[in-house]
Amino acid sequence: LKNWKEKITKWYDLYGMVQRKKNYEGLATIFVPEILRAVETVTAKIYGMIVGESQWYEYSGRDGEADTEGPAVALTRLVSYQMEENHFKSRLMDAIRQLVLTGLCVRKIGWDYQEVTRKVRDASGKLVDKKETIRDTWTFEPVDLLSIGLSNVDVPYNDIQKARWISEQTVGDKEFAYQKMAKGWFSSRYKEELE
């Protein structure tokens, strides 16, 4: 993927208005933001086509079954709430921008689950520990295309679905590793190595 990743770096540099050399010595480093303007225009147009309407999606019940309409409305409201919690629309805009810049968009869908233990009084008035769920929702997270690895180099980047495996390289500290162990992303047997 080296050649492809070099192109991605070049495209992001052009978008970010990075100028590596001047045409002539002594000239000012002036960069007309044509690529930035084009990318943002196309991104906004695609975004508007997807979520331009206030009710841009809706779950519907099964045809002819009146008792499924209530759950469909409830599911629409639940997903809308989850999207607001996850800042889905701004993350969607970023995903579309990545797609426009590179021709490929990769996102992870994970789960954010958090519990806290609180002291509450039971029926007898005694303080007891009670676990309470404070977050239980899906997430929509970006993936840096330069951190992706594929099963073999024979698989072209535009046919990523045919890869036997896909990996993402991440740099993190001990705390990052402990959080991932707690969520079950990888085995806690690595805890000894971290110590």
N, C-alpha and C. Protein backbone atom coordinates (compact mmCIF):
# COMPACT_ATOMS: atom_id res chain seq x y z
N LEU A 1 0.81 -1.22 0.00
CA LEU A 1 0.00 0.00 0.00
C LEU A 1 0.85 1.28 0.00
N LYS A 2 2.18 1.14 -0.10
CA LYS A 2 3.07 2.30 0.02
C LYS A 2 2.74 3.39 -0.99
N ASN A 3 2.59 3.02 -2.27
CA ASN A 3 2.30 4.03 -3.30
C ASN A 3 0.98 4.73 -3.04
N TRP A 4 -0.02 3.94 -2.65
CA TRP A 4 -1.33 4.52 -2.36
C TRP A 4 -1.25 5.46 -1.16
N LYS A 5 -0.53 5.07 -0.11
CA LYS A 5 -0.41 5.92 1.08
C LYS A 5 0.36 7.20 0.78
N GLU A 6 1.34 7.13 -0.14
CA GLU A 6 2.05 8.35 -0.55
C GLU A 6 1.09 9.31 -1.26
N LYS A 7 0.18 8.76 -2.07
CA LYS A 7 -0.81 9.61 -2.74
C LYS A 7 -1.76 10.24 -1.72
N ILE A 8 -2.17 9.47 -0.73
CA ILE A 8 -3.06 10.01 0.31
C ILE A 8 -2.39 11.18 1.01
N THR A 9 -1.11 11.02 1.35
CA THR A 9 -0.38 12.11 2.02
C THR A 9 -0.34 13.34 1.12
N LYS A 10 -0.10 13.14 -0.16
CA LYS A 10 -0.06 14.26 -1.12
C LYS A 10 -1.42 14.94 -1.19
N TRP A 11 -2.50 14.15 -1.28
CA TRP A 11 -3.83 14.73 -1.38
C TRP A 11 -4.19 15.51 -0.13
N TYR A 12 -3.85 14.99 1.06
CA TYR A 12 -4.13 15.72 2.29
C TYR A 12 -3.30 16.99 2.39
N ASP A 13 -2.05 16.94 1.89
CA ASP A 13 -1.22 18.15 1.87
C ASP A 13 -1.83 19.21 0.96
N LEU A 14 -2.31 18.80 -0.21
CA LEU A 14 -2.95 19.76 -1.12
C LEU A 14 -4.19 20.35 -0.47
N TYR A 15 -4.99 19.52 0.19
CA TYR A 15 -6.19 20.00 0.88
C TYR A 15 -5.83 20.95 2.01
N GLY A 16 -4.77 20.63 2.75
CA GLY A 16 -4.33 21.48 3.86
C GLY A 16 -3.50 22.66 3.45
N MET A 17 -3.35 22.88 2.14
CA MET A 17 -2.61 24.01 1.57
C MET A 17 -1.14 24.01 1.97
N VAL A 18 -0.55 22.82 2.08
CA VAL A 18 0.87 22.70 2.38
C VAL A 18 1.64 22.88 1.09
N GLN A 19 2.58 23.83 1.07
CA GLN A 19 3.40 24.05 -0.11
C GLN A 19 4.83 23.70 0.23
N ARG A 20 5.38 22.72 -0.46
CA ARG A 20 6.71 22.21 -0.14
C ARG A 20 7.82 22.98 -0.85
N LYS A 21 7.54 23.59 -2.01
CA LYS A 21 8.58 24.33 -2.71
C LYS A 21 7.97 25.51 -3.47
N LYS A 22 8.80 26.51 -3.71
CA LYS A 22 8.38 27.68 -4.48
C LYS A 22 8.87 27.51 -5.91
N ASN A 23 8.18 28.18 -6.83
CA ASN A 23 8.63 28.13 -8.22
C ASN A 23 9.94 28.88 -8.42
N TYR A 24 10.05 30.01 -7.73
CA TYR A 24 11.26 30.82 -7.84
C TYR A 24 11.66 31.29 -6.46
N GLU A 25 12.95 31.37 -6.20
CA GLU A 25 13.43 31.89 -4.92
C GLU A 25 13.04 33.35 -4.78
N GLY A 26 12.71 33.73 -3.57
CA GLY A 26 12.37 35.12 -3.30
C GLY A 26 10.88 35.41 -3.42
N LEU A 27 10.12 34.50 -4.00
CA LEU A 27 8.67 34.72 -4.11
C LEU A 27 7.98 34.35 -2.81
N ALA A 28 6.87 34.98 -2.55
CA ALA A 28 6.08 34.65 -1.36
C ALA A 28 5.47 33.27 -1.53
N THR A 29 5.22 32.60 -0.40
CA THR A 29 4.58 31.29 -0.44
C THR A 29 3.07 31.51 -0.48
N ILE A 30 2.56 31.68 -1.68
CA ILE A 30 1.13 31.92 -1.86
C ILE A 30 0.51 30.65 -2.42
N PHE A 31 -0.61 30.28 -1.85
CA PHE A 31 -1.27 29.04 -2.27
C PHE A 31 -2.74 29.34 -2.44
N VAL A 32 -3.23 29.26 -3.65
CA VAL A 32 -4.65 29.49 -3.90
C VAL A 32 -5.41 28.23 -3.48
N PRO A 33 -6.36 28.35 -2.56
CA PRO A 33 -7.02 27.16 -1.98
C PRO A 33 -8.08 26.53 -2.88
N GLU A 34 -7.72 26.26 -4.14
CA GLU A 34 -8.69 25.67 -5.06
C GLU A 34 -9.12 24.27 -4.61
N ILE A 35 -8.16 23.45 -4.17
CA ILE A 35 -8.49 22.08 -3.78
C ILE A 35 -9.35 22.09 -2.53
N LEU A 36 -8.99 22.93 -1.57
CA LEU A 36 -9.79 23.04 -0.34
C LEU A 36 -11.21 23.45 -0.69
N ARG A 37 -11.34 24.45 -1.55
CA ARG A 37 -12.66 24.95 -1.94
C ARG A 37 -13.46 23.86 -2.66
N ALA A 38 -12.82 23.15 -3.57
CA ALA A 38 -13.52 22.10 -4.33
C ALA A 38 -13.96 20.97 -3.40
N VAL A 39 -13.06 20.53 -2.51
CA VAL A 39 -13.39 19.43 -1.59
C VAL A 39 -14.54 19.83 -0.67
N GLU A 40 -14.48 21.03 -0.11
CA GLU A 40 -15.53 21.46 0.81
C GLU A 40 -16.86 21.66 0.09
N THR A 41 -16.83 22.11 -1.16
CA THR A 41 -18.06 22.28 -1.92
C THR A 41 -18.72 20.93 -2.19
N VAL A 42 -17.92 19.97 -2.67
CA VAL A 42 -18.47 18.65 -2.98
C VAL A 42 -18.95 17.96 -1.70
N THR A 43 -18.16 18.09 -0.62
CA THR A 43 -18.53 17.48 0.66
C THR A 43 -19.88 18.03 1.15
N ALA A 44 -20.03 19.34 1.09
CA ALA A 44 -21.28 19.97 1.54
C ALA A 44 -22.47 19.53 0.68
N LYS A 45 -22.26 19.40 -0.62
CA LYS A 45 -23.35 18.98 -1.50
C LYS A 45 -23.78 17.55 -1.19
N ILE A 46 -22.82 16.64 -1.02
CA ILE A 46 -23.16 15.25 -0.70
C ILE A 46 -23.85 15.17 0.66
N TYR A 47 -23.30 15.88 1.64
CA TYR A 47 -23.89 15.91 2.98
C TYR A 47 -25.33 16.41 2.92
N GLY A 48 -25.56 17.47 2.16
CA GLY A 48 -26.92 18.01 2.02
C GLY A 48 -27.88 17.03 1.37
N MET A 49 -27.38 16.26 0.40
CA MET A 49 -28.24 15.27 -0.25
C MET A 49 -28.65 14.18 0.73
N ILE A 50 -27.75 13.83 1.67
CA ILE A 50 -28.04 12.73 2.61
C ILE A 50 -28.92 13.20 3.76
N VAL A 51 -28.51 14.28 4.42
CA VAL A 51 -29.21 14.69 5.65
C VAL A 51 -29.87 16.07 5.54
N GLY A 52 -30.13 16.52 4.31
CA GLY A 52 -30.70 17.85 4.11
C GLY A 52 -32.09 18.04 4.68
N GLU A 53 -32.89 17.02 4.66
CA GLU A 53 -34.25 17.11 5.19
C GLU A 53 -34.20 16.92 6.71
N SER A 54 -35.14 17.56 7.42
CA SER A 54 -35.16 17.42 8.88
C SER A 54 -35.47 15.97 9.28
N GLN A 55 -36.32 15.32 8.54
CA GLN A 55 -36.63 13.91 8.81
C GLN A 55 -36.00 13.09 7.67
N TRP A 56 -34.68 12.95 7.70
CA TRP A 56 -33.96 12.34 6.58
C TRP A 56 -33.98 10.81 6.61
N TYR A 57 -34.45 10.24 7.69
CA TYR A 57 -34.64 8.79 7.74
C TYR A 57 -35.80 8.52 8.69
N GLU A 58 -36.39 7.35 8.54
CA GLU A 58 -37.50 6.98 9.42
C GLU A 58 -37.71 5.48 9.32
N TYR A 59 -37.88 4.84 10.47
CA TYR A 59 -38.23 3.42 10.47
C TYR A 59 -39.72 3.31 10.24
N SER A 60 -40.13 2.27 9.54
CA SER A 60 -41.57 2.08 9.33
C SER A 60 -41.95 0.66 9.75
N GLY A 61 -43.20 0.52 10.15
CA GLY A 61 -43.70 -0.79 10.55
C GLY A 61 -43.93 -1.69 9.34
N ARG A 62 -44.24 -2.92 9.61
CA ARG A 62 -44.53 -3.85 8.52
C ARG A 62 -45.82 -3.46 7.83
N ASP A 63 -45.86 -3.69 6.54
CA ASP A 63 -47.07 -3.35 5.76
C ASP A 63 -48.28 -4.09 6.29
N GLY A 64 -49.33 -3.35 6.55
CA GLY A 64 -50.59 -3.94 6.95
C GLY A 64 -50.66 -4.35 8.42
N GLU A 65 -49.63 -4.10 9.20
CA GLU A 65 -49.65 -4.48 10.62
C GLU A 65 -49.62 -3.20 11.46
N ALA A 66 -50.78 -2.80 11.94
CA ALA A 66 -50.91 -1.55 12.70
C ALA A 66 -50.12 -1.57 14.01
N ASP A 67 -49.96 -2.75 14.61
CA ASP A 67 -49.27 -2.82 15.91
C ASP A 67 -47.76 -2.63 15.79
N THR A 68 -47.21 -2.52 14.57
CA THR A 68 -45.77 -2.31 14.41
C THR A 68 -45.41 -0.84 14.23
N GLU A 69 -46.41 0.03 14.06
CA GLU A 69 -46.13 1.45 13.87
C GLU A 69 -45.55 2.11 15.12
N GLY A 70 -46.09 1.78 16.29
CA GLY A 70 -45.58 2.36 17.55
C GLY A 70 -44.11 2.03 17.78
N PRO A 71 -43.72 0.76 17.69
CA PRO A 71 -42.30 0.43 17.84
C PRO A 71 -41.41 1.09 16.78
N ALA A 72 -41.91 1.26 15.56
CA ALA A 72 -41.12 1.91 14.51
C ALA A 72 -40.85 3.36 14.87
N VAL A 73 -41.86 4.05 15.39
CA VAL A 73 -41.69 5.45 15.82
C VAL A 73 -40.70 5.52 16.99
N ALA A 74 -40.83 4.59 17.94
CA ALA A 74 -39.92 4.56 19.09
C ALA A 74 -38.49 4.31 18.65
N LEU A 75 -38.29 3.41 17.69
CA LEU A 75 -36.95 3.11 17.19
C LEU A 75 -36.36 4.31 16.46
N THR A 76 -37.17 5.03 15.71
CA THR A 76 -36.70 6.25 15.04
C THR A 76 -36.22 7.26 16.07
N ARG A 77 -36.99 7.44 17.13
CA ARG A 77 -36.61 8.40 18.19
C ARG A 77 -35.34 7.95 18.91
N LEU A 78 -35.23 6.64 19.18
CA LEU A 78 -34.04 6.12 19.86
C LEU A 78 -32.78 6.35 19.03
N VAL A 79 -32.83 6.01 17.76
CA VAL A 79 -31.66 6.18 16.89
C VAL A 79 -31.32 7.67 16.73
N SER A 80 -32.33 8.53 16.64
CA SER A 80 -32.08 9.98 16.57
C SER A 80 -31.35 10.45 17.83
N TYR A 81 -31.79 9.98 18.99
CA TYR A 81 -31.14 10.34 20.25
C TYR A 81 -29.69 9.85 20.26
N GLN A 82 -29.47 8.60 19.82
CA GLN A 82 -28.12 8.05 19.79
C GLN A 82 -27.23 8.83 18.82
N MET A 83 -27.78 9.25 17.70
CA MET A 83 -27.00 10.05 16.75
C MET A 83 -26.59 11.39 17.34
N GLU A 84 -27.49 12.00 18.09
CA GLU A 84 -27.15 13.26 18.75
C GLU A 84 -26.06 13.05 19.78
N GLU A 85 -26.16 11.97 20.56
CA GLU A 85 -25.16 11.66 21.58
C GLU A 85 -23.78 11.41 20.96
N ASN A 86 -23.75 10.79 19.79
CA ASN A 86 -22.50 10.44 19.12
C ASN A 86 -21.98 11.52 18.18
N HIS A 87 -22.69 12.64 18.07
CA HIS A 87 -22.32 13.70 17.12
C HIS A 87 -22.19 13.12 15.71
N PHE A 88 -23.17 12.31 15.35
CA PHE A 88 -23.12 11.56 14.10
C PHE A 88 -23.01 12.47 12.88
N LYS A 89 -23.76 13.56 12.85
CA LYS A 89 -23.76 14.40 11.66
C LYS A 89 -22.41 15.04 11.40
N SER A 90 -21.72 15.52 12.44
CA SER A 90 -20.40 16.10 12.21
C SER A 90 -19.40 15.01 11.83
N ARG A 91 -19.55 13.82 12.39
CA ARG A 91 -18.66 12.72 12.02
C ARG A 91 -18.96 12.22 10.61
N LEU A 92 -20.22 12.32 10.20
CA LEU A 92 -20.57 11.96 8.83
C LEU A 92 -19.94 12.94 7.85
N MET A 93 -19.95 14.22 8.18
CA MET A 93 -19.32 15.24 7.34
C MET A 93 -17.83 14.93 7.17
N ASP A 94 -17.17 14.54 8.25
CA ASP A 94 -15.75 14.20 8.20
C ASP A 94 -15.53 12.95 7.34
N ALA A 95 -16.44 11.98 7.44
CA ALA A 95 -16.33 10.75 6.65
C ALA A 95 -16.49 11.06 5.16
N ILE A 96 -17.43 11.92 4.82
CA ILE A 96 -17.63 12.29 3.42
C ILE A 96 -16.39 13.03 2.90
N ARG A 97 -15.82 13.90 3.72
CA ARG A 97 -14.61 14.63 3.33
C ARG A 97 -13.47 13.65 3.02
N GLN A 98 -13.31 12.63 3.86
CA GLN A 98 -12.27 11.62 3.60
C GLN A 98 -12.56 10.90 2.29
N LEU A 99 -13.81 10.60 2.03
CA LEU A 99 -14.19 9.92 0.80
C LEU A 99 -13.88 10.79 -0.43
N VAL A 100 -14.19 12.08 -0.35
CA VAL A 100 -13.93 12.99 -1.46
C VAL A 100 -12.43 13.14 -1.70
N LEU A 101 -11.66 13.22 -0.64
CA LEU A 101 -10.21 13.41 -0.77
C LEU A 101 -9.49 12.17 -1.31
N THR A 102 -9.88 11.00 -0.84
CA THR A 102 -9.09 9.80 -1.13
C THR A 102 -9.81 8.75 -1.96
N GLY A 103 -11.11 8.88 -2.11
CA GLY A 103 -11.87 7.87 -2.83
C GLY A 103 -12.26 6.69 -1.97
N LEU A 104 -11.91 6.74 -0.68
CA LEU A 104 -12.20 5.63 0.24
C LEU A 104 -12.54 6.21 1.60
N CYS A 105 -13.52 5.63 2.25
CA CYS A 105 -13.89 6.06 3.60
C CYS A 105 -13.96 4.84 4.49
N VAL A 106 -13.22 4.86 5.59
CA VAL A 106 -13.23 3.74 6.53
C VAL A 106 -13.63 4.29 7.89
N ARG A 107 -14.61 3.66 8.51
CA ARG A 107 -15.06 4.03 9.84
C ARG A 107 -15.27 2.78 10.67
N LYS A 108 -15.04 2.91 11.98
CA LYS A 108 -15.29 1.80 12.91
C LYS A 108 -16.61 2.06 13.60
N ILE A 109 -17.39 1.02 13.73
CA ILE A 109 -18.59 1.11 14.54
C ILE A 109 -18.34 0.24 15.77
N GLY A 110 -18.29 0.87 16.92
CA GLY A 110 -18.01 0.16 18.16
C GLY A 110 -19.15 0.34 19.14
N TRP A 111 -18.87 0.02 20.39
CA TRP A 111 -19.88 0.17 21.43
C TRP A 111 -19.28 0.88 22.62
N ASP A 112 -19.95 1.89 23.12
CA ASP A 112 -19.51 2.64 24.29
C ASP A 112 -20.42 2.26 25.45
N TYR A 113 -19.88 1.46 26.36
CA TYR A 113 -20.65 1.00 27.51
C TYR A 113 -19.90 1.39 28.78
N GLN A 114 -20.55 2.12 29.66
CA GLN A 114 -19.91 2.55 30.90
C GLN A 114 -20.87 2.34 32.07
N GLU A 115 -20.31 1.82 33.16
CA GLU A 115 -21.06 1.62 34.40
C GLU A 115 -20.36 2.37 35.52
N VAL A 116 -21.14 2.83 36.48
CA VAL A 116 -20.58 3.41 37.70
C VAL A 116 -21.25 2.73 38.89
N THR A 117 -20.54 2.70 40.00
CA THR A 117 -21.10 2.15 41.23
C THR A 117 -21.44 3.31 42.15
N ARG A 118 -22.68 3.33 42.61
CA ARG A 118 -23.14 4.41 43.50
C ARG A 118 -23.67 3.82 44.78
N LYS A 119 -23.58 4.59 45.83
CA LYS A 119 -24.14 4.21 47.13
C LYS A 119 -25.59 4.66 47.18
N VAL A 120 -26.48 3.72 47.45
CA VAL A 120 -27.90 4.03 47.59
C VAL A 120 -28.44 3.36 48.85
N ARG A 121 -29.53 3.86 49.33
CA ARG A 121 -30.15 3.26 50.52
C ARG A 121 -31.16 2.22 50.07
N ASP A 122 -31.10 1.05 50.68
CA ASP A 122 -32.08 0.01 50.37
C ASP A 122 -33.33 0.23 51.21
N ALA A 123 -34.26 -0.70 51.17
CA ALA A 123 -35.54 -0.56 51.88
C ALA A 123 -35.36 -0.42 53.38
N SER A 124 -34.30 -1.02 53.95
CA SER A 124 -34.06 -0.94 55.39
C SER A 124 -33.29 0.31 55.78
N GLY A 125 -32.86 1.12 54.80
CA GLY A 125 -32.12 2.34 55.09
C GLY A 125 -30.61 2.15 55.11
N LYS A 126 -30.15 0.94 54.82
CA LYS A 126 -28.72 0.64 54.81
C LYS A 126 -28.11 1.06 53.47
N LEU A 127 -26.87 1.62 53.52
CA LEU A 127 -26.19 2.00 52.28
C LEU A 127 -25.62 0.77 51.59
N VAL A 128 -25.95 0.62 50.32
CA VAL A 128 -25.44 -0.51 49.54
C VAL A 128 -24.92 0.01 48.19
N ASP A 129 -24.01 -0.76 47.59
CA ASP A 129 -23.50 -0.41 46.26
C ASP A 129 -24.49 -0.86 45.20
N LYS A 130 -24.73 0.03 44.25
CA LYS A 130 -25.61 -0.32 43.13
C LYS A 130 -24.94 0.13 41.84
N LYS A 131 -24.87 -0.80 40.88
CA LYS A 131 -24.29 -0.47 39.58
C LYS A 131 -25.35 0.20 38.72
N GLU A 132 -24.89 1.26 38.02
CA GLU A 132 -25.81 1.99 37.15
C GLU A 132 -25.13 2.22 35.81
N THR A 133 -25.83 1.93 34.75
CA THR A 133 -25.30 2.14 33.41
C THR A 133 -25.48 3.61 33.04
N ILE A 134 -24.36 4.26 32.69
CA ILE A 134 -24.45 5.68 32.32
C ILE A 134 -24.29 5.89 30.82
N ARG A 135 -23.70 4.93 30.09
CA ARG A 135 -23.62 5.00 28.63
C ARG A 135 -23.77 3.60 28.06
N ASP A 136 -24.60 3.50 27.04
CA ASP A 136 -24.82 2.21 26.39
C ASP A 136 -25.29 2.50 24.97
N THR A 137 -24.32 2.82 24.09
CA THR A 137 -24.68 3.23 22.74
C THR A 137 -23.56 2.88 21.76
N TRP A 138 -23.88 2.89 20.48
CA TRP A 138 -22.89 2.63 19.45
C TRP A 138 -22.07 3.88 19.19
N THR A 139 -20.91 3.68 18.59
CA THR A 139 -20.04 4.80 18.23
C THR A 139 -19.70 4.71 16.74
N PHE A 140 -19.32 5.82 16.18
CA PHE A 140 -18.98 5.94 14.76
C PHE A 140 -17.66 6.69 14.72
N GLU A 141 -16.55 5.97 14.60
CA GLU A 141 -15.23 6.56 14.80
C GLU A 141 -14.39 6.55 13.52
N PRO A 142 -13.62 7.62 13.29
CA PRO A 142 -12.78 7.68 12.10
C PRO A 142 -11.59 6.73 12.18
N VAL A 143 -11.09 6.36 11.02
CA VAL A 143 -9.89 5.53 10.92
C VAL A 143 -8.91 6.27 10.02
N ASP A 144 -7.69 6.45 10.49
CA ASP A 144 -6.64 7.07 9.69
C ASP A 144 -6.22 6.09 8.61
N LEU A 145 -6.38 6.46 7.35
CA LEU A 145 -6.06 5.55 6.26
C LEU A 145 -4.59 5.16 6.23
N LEU A 146 -3.72 6.01 6.77
CA LEU A 146 -2.28 5.70 6.79
C LEU A 146 -1.94 4.65 7.83
N SER A 147 -2.89 4.33 8.73
CA SER A 147 -2.63 3.33 9.77
C SER A 147 -3.20 1.96 9.42
N ILE A 148 -3.77 1.83 8.22
CA ILE A 148 -4.41 0.58 7.82
C ILE A 148 -3.39 -0.40 7.23
N GLY A 149 -3.58 -1.67 7.56
CA GLY A 149 -2.80 -2.74 6.95
C GLY A 149 -3.76 -3.78 6.39
N LEU A 150 -3.41 -4.38 5.26
CA LEU A 150 -4.25 -5.40 4.64
C LEU A 150 -3.55 -6.74 4.66
N SER A 151 -4.30 -7.80 4.42
CA SER A 151 -3.77 -9.16 4.50
C SER A 151 -2.65 -9.40 3.51
N ASN A 152 -2.72 -8.85 2.32
CA ASN A 152 -1.62 -8.99 1.37
C ASN A 152 -1.63 -7.82 0.40
N VAL A 153 -0.51 -7.62 -0.27
CA VAL A 153 -0.40 -6.47 -1.17
C VAL A 153 -1.02 -6.73 -2.53
N ASP A 154 -1.47 -7.96 -2.79
CA ASP A 154 -2.12 -8.26 -4.06
C ASP A 154 -3.55 -7.69 -4.11
N VAL A 155 -4.09 -7.35 -2.93
CA VAL A 155 -5.45 -6.82 -2.88
C VAL A 155 -5.39 -5.33 -3.15
N PRO A 156 -6.00 -4.85 -4.24
CA PRO A 156 -5.95 -3.41 -4.53
C PRO A 156 -6.77 -2.63 -3.50
N TYR A 157 -6.37 -1.39 -3.22
CA TYR A 157 -7.03 -0.60 -2.19
C TYR A 157 -8.50 -0.35 -2.50
N ASN A 158 -8.86 -0.34 -3.79
CA ASN A 158 -10.26 -0.05 -4.11
C ASN A 158 -11.15 -1.28 -4.02
N ASP A 159 -10.58 -2.42 -3.60
CA ASP A 159 -11.38 -3.63 -3.40
C ASP A 159 -11.05 -4.20 -2.02
N ILE A 160 -11.12 -3.34 -1.02
CA ILE A 160 -10.71 -3.69 0.34
C ILE A 160 -11.56 -4.81 0.94
N GLN A 161 -12.76 -5.00 0.39
CA GLN A 161 -13.66 -6.04 0.91
C GLN A 161 -13.12 -7.44 0.68
N LYS A 162 -12.20 -7.61 -0.27
CA LYS A 162 -11.67 -8.93 -0.57
C LYS A 162 -10.48 -9.31 0.30
N ALA A 163 -10.04 -8.41 1.16
CA ALA A 163 -8.91 -8.71 2.04
C ALA A 163 -9.32 -9.76 3.07
N ARG A 164 -8.40 -10.69 3.38
CA ARG A 164 -8.69 -11.70 4.40
C ARG A 164 -8.77 -11.06 5.78
N TRP A 165 -7.94 -10.06 6.03
CA TRP A 165 -8.00 -9.32 7.28
C TRP A 165 -7.56 -7.87 7.04
N ILE A 166 -8.01 -7.01 7.91
CA ILE A 166 -7.65 -5.60 7.87
C ILE A 166 -7.22 -5.23 9.27
N SER A 167 -6.11 -4.50 9.40
CA SER A 167 -5.65 -4.10 10.73
C SER A 167 -5.54 -2.59 10.79
N GLU A 168 -5.52 -2.09 12.00
CA GLU A 168 -5.30 -0.67 12.24
C GLU A 168 -4.23 -0.53 13.30
N GLN A 169 -3.19 0.20 12.99
CA GLN A 169 -2.09 0.40 13.93
C GLN A 169 -2.38 1.65 14.76
N THR A 170 -2.27 1.51 16.07
CA THR A 170 -2.56 2.62 16.98
C THR A 170 -1.43 2.74 18.00
N VAL A 171 -1.03 3.95 18.28
CA VAL A 171 -0.03 4.20 19.32
C VAL A 171 -0.80 4.64 20.57
N GLY A 172 -0.53 3.97 21.68
CA GLY A 172 -1.22 4.30 22.92
C GLY A 172 -0.34 4.04 24.12
N ASP A 173 -0.70 4.61 25.25
CA ASP A 173 0.06 4.39 26.48
C ASP A 173 -0.57 3.26 27.28
N LYS A 174 -0.08 3.05 28.50
CA LYS A 174 -0.58 1.96 29.35
C LYS A 174 -2.08 2.11 29.62
N GLU A 175 -2.49 3.35 29.91
CA GLU A 175 -3.89 3.59 30.23
C GLU A 175 -4.79 3.21 29.05
N PHE A 176 -4.36 3.54 27.85
CA PHE A 176 -5.09 3.17 26.64
C PHE A 176 -5.24 1.64 26.57
N ALA A 177 -4.14 0.92 26.83
CA ALA A 177 -4.16 -0.54 26.78
C ALA A 177 -5.09 -1.11 27.86
N TYR A 178 -5.06 -0.54 29.06
CA TYR A 178 -5.93 -1.02 30.14
C TYR A 178 -7.41 -0.82 29.78
N GLN A 179 -7.73 0.32 29.16
CA GLN A 179 -9.11 0.57 28.75
C GLN A 179 -9.58 -0.45 27.72
N LYS A 180 -8.70 -0.78 26.78
CA LYS A 180 -9.06 -1.76 25.75
C LYS A 180 -9.21 -3.15 26.36
N MET A 181 -8.39 -3.49 27.35
CA MET A 181 -8.52 -4.78 28.03
C MET A 181 -9.85 -4.85 28.77
N ALA A 182 -10.21 -3.75 29.43
CA ALA A 182 -11.47 -3.71 30.19
C ALA A 182 -12.67 -3.91 29.26
N LYS A 183 -12.56 -3.42 28.03
CA LYS A 183 -13.65 -3.57 27.07
C LYS A 183 -13.58 -4.88 26.31
N GLY A 184 -12.52 -5.67 26.56
CA GLY A 184 -12.40 -6.97 25.92
C GLY A 184 -11.85 -6.92 24.51
N TRP A 185 -11.19 -5.81 24.13
CA TRP A 185 -10.65 -5.68 22.78
C TRP A 185 -9.47 -6.61 22.58
N PHE A 186 -8.67 -6.81 23.64
CA PHE A 186 -7.63 -7.82 23.59
C PHE A 186 -7.39 -8.39 24.97
N SER A 187 -6.73 -9.52 25.01
CA SER A 187 -6.64 -10.32 26.23
C SER A 187 -5.93 -9.60 27.37
N SER A 188 -6.41 -9.83 28.59
CA SER A 188 -5.78 -9.24 29.77
C SER A 188 -4.48 -9.95 30.13
N ARG A 189 -4.16 -11.02 29.41
CA ARG A 189 -2.88 -11.68 29.69
C ARG A 189 -1.69 -10.80 29.35
N TYR A 190 -1.92 -9.75 28.55
CA TYR A 190 -0.85 -8.81 28.21
C TYR A 190 -0.56 -7.83 29.34
N LYS A 191 -1.39 -7.88 30.38
CA LYS A 191 -1.21 -6.96 31.51
C LYS A 191 0.18 -7.12 32.15
N GLU A 192 0.65 -8.37 32.27
CA GLU A 192 1.98 -8.61 32.83
C GLU A 192 3.06 -7.95 32.00
N GLU A 193 2.93 -8.01 30.69
CA GLU A 193 3.93 -7.39 29.82
C GLU A 193 3.91 -5.87 29.96
N LEU A 194 2.74 -5.30 30.20
CA LEU A 194 2.65 -3.85 30.37
C LEU A 194 3.30 -3.40 31.68
N GLU A 195 3.17 -4.26 32.71
CA GLU A 195 3.76 -3.94 34.00
C GLU A 195 5.27 -3.94 33.91
